[in-house]
Amino acid sequence: MKNSIAFAAGLQILIVGCIFLFMWIRAEGRRNVRIPEIKKENIWRCSICTYVYVDSEEDELSTCPRCTSINKRLDE
């Protein structure tokens, strides 16, 4: 009887420890994800709704994702 209770308690501690280890490894993997750098020339501000967004594909004209107006790059 004593051995079965000790075995069950040890097994439970082992399972809970493995779950915590798995969660810790997963959290560490997510923490090390690199965020790409955003260049200043890729940041746009809509002239109609003043929404600020990133559009790295366009050079001179860009479409606002919120109000779909077309914005022209201003020379700064």
Protein backbone atom coordinates (compact mmCIF):
# COMPACT_ATOMS: atom_id res chain seq x y z
CA MET A 1 0.00 0.00 0.00
CA LYS A 2 2.77 2.45 0.90
CA ASN A 3 4.69 1.73 -2.26
CA SER A 4 1.71 2.34 -4.53
CA ILE A 5 0.94 5.72 -2.89
CA ALA A 6 4.58 6.80 -3.12
CA PHE A 7 4.75 5.63 -6.73
CA ALA A 8 1.55 7.51 -7.63
CA ALA A 9 2.77 10.69 -5.92
CA GLY A 10 6.15 10.46 -7.63
CA LEU A 11 4.52 9.87 -11.00
CA GLN A 12 2.23 12.85 -10.50
CA ILE A 13 5.18 15.10 -9.59
CA LEU A 14 7.07 13.86 -12.64
CA ILE A 15 4.15 14.56 -14.98
CA VAL A 16 3.56 18.05 -13.57
CA GLY A 17 7.29 18.78 -13.80
CA CYS A 18 7.34 17.70 -17.46
CA ILE A 19 4.36 19.93 -18.22
CA PHE A 20 6.07 22.94 -16.63
CA LEU A 21 9.31 22.15 -18.47
CA PHE A 22 7.46 21.98 -21.79
CA MET A 23 5.69 25.30 -21.10
CA TRP A 24 9.00 26.96 -20.14
CA ILE A 25 10.78 25.74 -23.29
CA ARG A 26 7.88 26.92 -25.44
CA ALA A 27 7.88 30.38 -23.80
CA GLU A 28 11.64 30.72 -24.29
CA GLY A 29 11.28 29.84 -27.96
CA ARG A 30 8.67 32.54 -28.45
CA ARG A 31 10.76 35.13 -26.62
CA ASN A 32 13.71 34.73 -29.00
CA VAL A 33 11.68 35.53 -32.13
CA ARG A 34 13.23 38.52 -33.85
CA ILE A 35 11.04 41.37 -34.99
CA PRO A 36 12.09 42.77 -38.35
CA GLU A 37 13.33 46.34 -38.38
CA ILE A 38 10.98 48.92 -39.80
CA LYS A 39 12.64 51.55 -41.94
CA LYS A 40 11.45 55.12 -41.66
CA GLU A 41 10.65 55.29 -45.37
CA ASN A 42 8.17 52.39 -44.99
CA ILE A 43 6.02 54.24 -42.44
CA TRP A 44 3.08 56.02 -44.01
CA ARG A 45 0.49 58.41 -42.56
CA CYS A 46 -2.85 58.71 -44.29
CA SER A 47 -3.70 62.26 -45.29
CA ILE A 48 -7.44 61.60 -44.88
CA CYS A 49 -7.88 59.60 -41.65
CA THR A 50 -4.35 60.18 -40.19
CA TYR A 51 -3.89 56.42 -39.71
CA VAL A 52 -0.22 55.41 -39.39
CA TYR A 53 0.70 52.15 -41.15
CA VAL A 54 3.66 50.27 -42.63
CA ASP A 55 3.83 49.58 -46.36
CA SER A 56 7.17 48.28 -47.56
CA GLU A 57 6.02 47.37 -51.08
CA GLU A 58 5.17 50.79 -52.45
CA ASP A 59 7.56 53.56 -53.48
CA GLU A 60 5.52 56.64 -54.37
CA LEU A 61 1.83 55.79 -53.81
CA SER A 62 0.28 53.71 -51.08
CA THR A 63 -3.27 52.70 -50.19
CA CYS A 64 -4.43 53.23 -46.62
CA PRO A 65 -5.67 49.95 -45.11
CA ARG A 66 -8.30 51.73 -43.02
CA CYS A 67 -10.03 54.14 -45.42
CA THR A 68 -8.53 52.89 -48.75
CA SER A 69 -7.49 56.38 -49.83
CA ILE A 70 -4.35 56.73 -51.93
CA ASN A 71 -1.45 58.54 -50.29
CA LYS A 72 1.53 60.11 -51.98
CA ARG A 73 4.97 60.06 -50.42
CA LEU A 74 6.00 63.47 -49.20
CA ASP A 75 9.61 64.57 -49.66
CA GLU A 76 10.94 65.38 -46.22
